[in-house]
Amino acid sequence: MSKRPPITDSPWFWVLVFSLTALGALAAISGKYGRRQTRIELQYQGRERIAAERGAENRSAAMERNDGQTIRREFAFPGDSLIPLWPLEVILAIVAIFASCFLAWGRVRLGSRIDESAPP
């Protein structure tokens, strides 16, 4: 009787473990990240608008002919930041799905090889 090697010998197992751990960590920090990122973006937007106003005061009248059509992004708020976490979550979920598929495929393939080599 041939014995299967432990599942921990597969690199796909470790890819799956690490990707699921990263997803769990993202879920744990997402609230705090959202609040912190919003605060950072509000500071950035405030400095950007102050600099734009100072620049507008210093410009000559000939260069100021844009008809006041300046497009500005609304101020940031939690859940609507410039740098969201969802792309990272999607990538990690895809990696976890592929790792689990390859892990299952490898285990099935290994099991069929063990069955074929077993004496009748």
C-alpha atoms as a PDB file:
ATOM      1  CA  MET A   1       0.000   0.000   0.000  1.00  0.00           C
ATOM      2  CA  SER A   2       1.481   3.326  -1.126  1.00  0.00           C
ATOM      3  CA  LYS A   3       1.049   6.272   1.117  1.00  0.00           C
ATOM      4  CA  ARG A   4       0.182   9.772  -0.102  1.00  0.00           C
ATOM      5  CA  PRO A   5       2.608  12.513   0.878  1.00  0.00           C
ATOM      6  CA  PRO A   6       1.184  15.097   3.284  1.00  0.00           C
ATOM      7  CA  ILE A   7      -0.745  17.989   1.769  1.00  0.00           C
ATOM      8  CA  THR A   8       1.795  20.404   3.246  1.00  0.00           C
ATOM      9  CA  ASP A   9       4.387  19.141   0.762  1.00  0.00           C
ATOM     10  CA  SER A  10       2.530  20.899  -2.040  1.00  0.00           C
ATOM     11  CA  PRO A  11       3.578  24.473  -2.854  1.00  0.00           C
ATOM     12  CA  TRP A  12      -0.060  25.168  -3.858  1.00  0.00           C
ATOM     13  CA  PHE A  13      -1.097  24.492  -0.273  1.00  0.00           C
ATOM     14  CA  TRP A  14       1.214  27.238   0.946  1.00  0.00           C
ATOM     15  CA  VAL A  15       0.092  29.654  -1.763  1.00  0.00           C
ATOM     16  CA  LEU A  16      -3.495  29.003  -0.655  1.00  0.00           C
ATOM     17  CA  VAL A  17      -2.654  29.452   3.038  1.00  0.00           C
ATOM     18  CA  PHE A  18      -0.771  32.703   2.484  1.00  0.00           C
ATOM     19  CA  SER A  19      -3.392  34.190   0.168  1.00  0.00           C
ATOM     20  CA  LEU A  20      -6.218  33.346   2.591  1.00  0.00           C
ATOM     21  CA  THR A  21      -4.176  34.757   5.475  1.00  0.00           C
ATOM     22  CA  ALA A  22      -3.620  37.974   3.507  1.00  0.00           C
ATOM     23  CA  LEU A  23      -7.356  38.188   2.760  1.00  0.00           C
ATOM     24  CA  GLY A  24      -8.089  37.773   6.462  1.00  0.00           C
ATOM     25  CA  ALA A  25      -5.573  40.481   7.335  1.00  0.00           C
ATOM     26  CA  LEU A  26      -7.139  42.833   4.778  1.00  0.00           C
ATOM     27  CA  ALA A  27     -10.559  42.178   6.246  1.00  0.00           C
ATOM     28  CA  ALA A  28      -9.207  42.920   9.726  1.00  0.00           C
ATOM     29  CA  ILE A  29      -7.551  46.230   8.775  1.00  0.00           C
ATOM     30  CA  SER A  30      -9.986  47.531   6.153  1.00  0.00           C
ATOM     31  CA  GLY A  31     -11.961  49.738   8.568  1.00  0.00           C
ATOM     32  CA  LYS A  32      -8.908  51.350  10.084  1.00  0.00           C
ATOM     33  CA  TYR A  33      -7.291  51.701   6.663  1.00  0.00           C
ATOM     34  CA  GLY A  34     -10.387  53.434   5.287  1.00  0.00           C
ATOM     35  CA  ARG A  35     -10.432  56.006   8.067  1.00  0.00           C
ATOM     36  CA  ARG A  36      -6.691  56.647   7.841  1.00  0.00           C
ATOM     37  CA  GLN A  37      -6.685  56.853   4.041  1.00  0.00           C
ATOM     38  CA  THR A  38      -9.605  59.292   4.104  1.00  0.00           C
ATOM     39  CA  ARG A  39      -7.757  61.547   6.540  1.00  0.00           C
ATOM     40  CA  ILE A  40      -4.600  61.476   4.397  1.00  0.00           C
ATOM     41  CA  GLU A  41      -6.581  62.247   1.231  1.00  0.00           C
ATOM     42  CA  LEU A  42      -8.434  65.124   2.910  1.00  0.00           C
ATOM     43  CA  GLN A  43      -5.095  66.631   3.927  1.00  0.00           C
ATOM     44  CA  TYR A  44      -3.789  66.199   0.382  1.00  0.00           C
ATOM     45  CA  GLN A  45      -6.898  67.734  -1.180  1.00  0.00           C
ATOM     46  CA  GLY A  46      -6.790  70.658   1.237  1.00  0.00           C
ATOM     47  CA  ARG A  47      -3.138  71.399   0.459  1.00  0.00           C
ATOM     48  CA  GLU A  48      -3.810  71.012  -3.263  1.00  0.00           C
ATOM     49  CA  ARG A  49      -6.698  73.505  -3.212  1.00  0.00           C
ATOM     50  CA  ILE A  50      -4.765  76.010  -1.130  1.00  0.00           C
ATOM     51  CA  ALA A  51      -1.862  75.801  -3.584  1.00  0.00           C
ATOM     52  CA  ALA A  52      -4.256  76.227  -6.530  1.00  0.00           C
ATOM     53  CA  GLU A  53      -5.821  79.317  -4.930  1.00  0.00           C
ATOM     54  CA  ARG A  54      -2.412  80.835  -4.239  1.00  0.00           C
ATOM     55  CA  GLY A  55      -1.358  80.074  -7.797  1.00  0.00           C
ATOM     56  CA  ALA A  56      -4.517  81.685  -9.159  1.00  0.00           C
ATOM     57  CA  GLU A  57      -3.814  84.842  -7.173  1.00  0.00           C
ATOM     58  CA  ASN A  58      -0.290  85.040  -8.578  1.00  0.00           C
ATOM     59  CA  ARG A  59      -1.237  84.439 -12.222  1.00  0.00           C
ATOM     60  CA  SER A  60      -1.617  87.259 -14.641  1.00  0.00           C
ATOM     61  CA  ALA A  61      -5.054  88.083 -16.034  1.00  0.00           C
ATOM     62  CA  ALA A  62      -4.061  86.894 -19.511  1.00  0.00           C
ATOM     63  CA  MET A  63      -3.382  83.347 -18.310  1.00  0.00           C
ATOM     64  CA  GLU A  64      -6.583  83.142 -16.266  1.00  0.00           C
ATOM     65  CA  ARG A  65      -8.987  82.682 -19.174  1.00  0.00           C
ATOM     66  CA  ASN A  66     -10.315  79.207 -18.456  1.00  0.00           C
ATOM     67  CA  ASP A  67     -13.900  80.399 -17.836  1.00  0.00           C
ATOM     68  CA  GLY A  68     -13.875  78.963 -14.313  1.00  0.00           C
ATOM     69  CA  GLN A  69     -14.346  75.425 -15.630  1.00  0.00           C
ATOM     70  CA  THR A  70     -12.034  73.757 -13.115  1.00  0.00           C
ATOM     71  CA  ILE A  71     -13.031  70.160 -12.437  1.00  0.00           C
ATOM     72  CA  ARG A  72     -12.348  69.128  -8.876  1.00  0.00           C
ATOM     73  CA  ARG A  73     -12.962  65.843  -7.190  1.00  0.00           C
ATOM     74  CA  GLU A  74     -15.272  65.961  -4.204  1.00  0.00           C
ATOM     75  CA  PHE A  75     -13.639  65.686  -0.810  1.00  0.00           C
ATOM     76  CA  ALA A  76     -12.789  62.144   0.225  1.00  0.00           C
ATOM     77  CA  PHE A  77     -14.944  60.179   2.630  1.00  0.00           C
ATOM     78  CA  PRO A  78     -14.668  56.623   3.979  1.00  0.00           C
ATOM     79  CA  GLY A  79     -15.416  54.082   1.257  1.00  0.00           C
ATOM     80  CA  ASP A  80     -14.557  56.462  -1.584  1.00  0.00           C
ATOM     81  CA  SER A  81     -10.809  56.917  -1.513  1.00  0.00           C
ATOM     82  CA  LEU A  82      -8.332  57.369  -4.325  1.00  0.00           C
ATOM     83  CA  ILE A  83      -6.450  54.242  -3.257  1.00  0.00           C
ATOM     84  CA  PRO A  84      -8.973  51.481  -2.449  1.00  0.00           C
ATOM     85  CA  LEU A  85      -8.211  47.996  -1.132  1.00  0.00           C
ATOM     86  CA  TRP A  86     -10.646  46.111  -3.383  1.00  0.00           C
ATOM     87  CA  PRO A  87      -8.137  45.479  -6.238  1.00  0.00           C
ATOM     88  CA  LEU A  88      -5.792  43.783  -3.788  1.00  0.00           C
ATOM     89  CA  GLU A  89      -8.685  41.759  -2.372  1.00  0.00           C
ATOM     90  CA  VAL A  90      -9.724  40.638  -5.873  1.00  0.00           C
ATOM     91  CA  ILE A  91      -6.173  39.610  -6.784  1.00  0.00           C
ATOM     92  CA  LEU A  92      -5.759  37.630  -3.557  1.00  0.00           C
ATOM     93  CA  ALA A  93      -9.135  35.931  -4.055  1.00  0.00           C
ATOM     94  CA  ILE A  94      -8.162  34.913  -7.607  1.00  0.00           C
ATOM     95  CA  VAL A  95      -4.828  33.574  -6.342  1.00  0.00           C
ATOM     96  CA  ALA A  96      -6.639  31.591  -3.631  1.00  0.00           C
ATOM     97  CA  ILE A  97      -9.092  30.126  -6.157  1.00  0.00           C
ATOM     98  CA  PHE A  98      -6.323  29.093  -8.546  1.00  0.00           C
ATOM     99  CA  ALA A  99      -4.227  27.654  -5.718  1.00  0.00           C
ATOM    100  CA  SER A 100      -7.141  25.585  -4.423  1.00  0.00           C
ATOM    101  CA  CYS A 101      -7.922  24.333  -7.947  1.00  0.00           C
ATOM    102  CA  PHE A 102      -4.309  23.334  -8.592  1.00  0.00           C
ATOM    103  CA  LEU A 103      -4.038  21.784  -5.135  1.00  0.00           C
ATOM    104  CA  ALA A 104      -7.162  19.668  -5.711  1.00  0.00           C
ATOM    105  CA  TRP A 105      -6.046  18.750  -9.241  1.00  0.00           C
ATOM    106  CA  GLY A 106      -2.624  17.703  -7.958  1.00  0.00           C
ATOM    107  CA  ARG A 107      -4.123  15.608  -5.181  1.00  0.00           C
ATOM    108  CA  VAL A 108      -6.523  13.859  -7.585  1.00  0.00           C
ATOM    109  CA  ARG A 109      -3.717  13.259 -10.098  1.00  0.00           C
ATOM    110  CA  LEU A 110      -1.429  11.954  -7.363  1.00  0.00           C
ATOM    111  CA  GLY A 111      -4.199   9.722  -6.033  1.00  0.00           C
ATOM    112  CA  SER A 112      -4.788   8.181  -9.465  1.00  0.00           C
ATOM    113  CA  ARG A 113      -1.046   7.556  -9.834  1.00  0.00           C
ATOM    114  CA  ILE A 114      -0.927   5.839  -6.452  1.00  0.00           C
ATOM    115  CA  ASP A 115      -3.959   3.711  -7.356  1.00  0.00           C
ATOM    116  CA  GLU A 116      -2.340   2.668 -10.663  1.00  0.00           C
ATOM    117  CA  SER A 117       0.927   1.686  -9.008  1.00  0.00           C
ATOM    118  CA  ALA A 118      -0.705  -0.266  -6.193  1.00  0.00           C
ATOM    119  CA  PRO A 119      -0.451  -4.057  -6.583  1.00  0.00           C
ATOM    120  CA  PRO A 120      -3.754  -5.868  -7.203  1.00  0.00           C
END
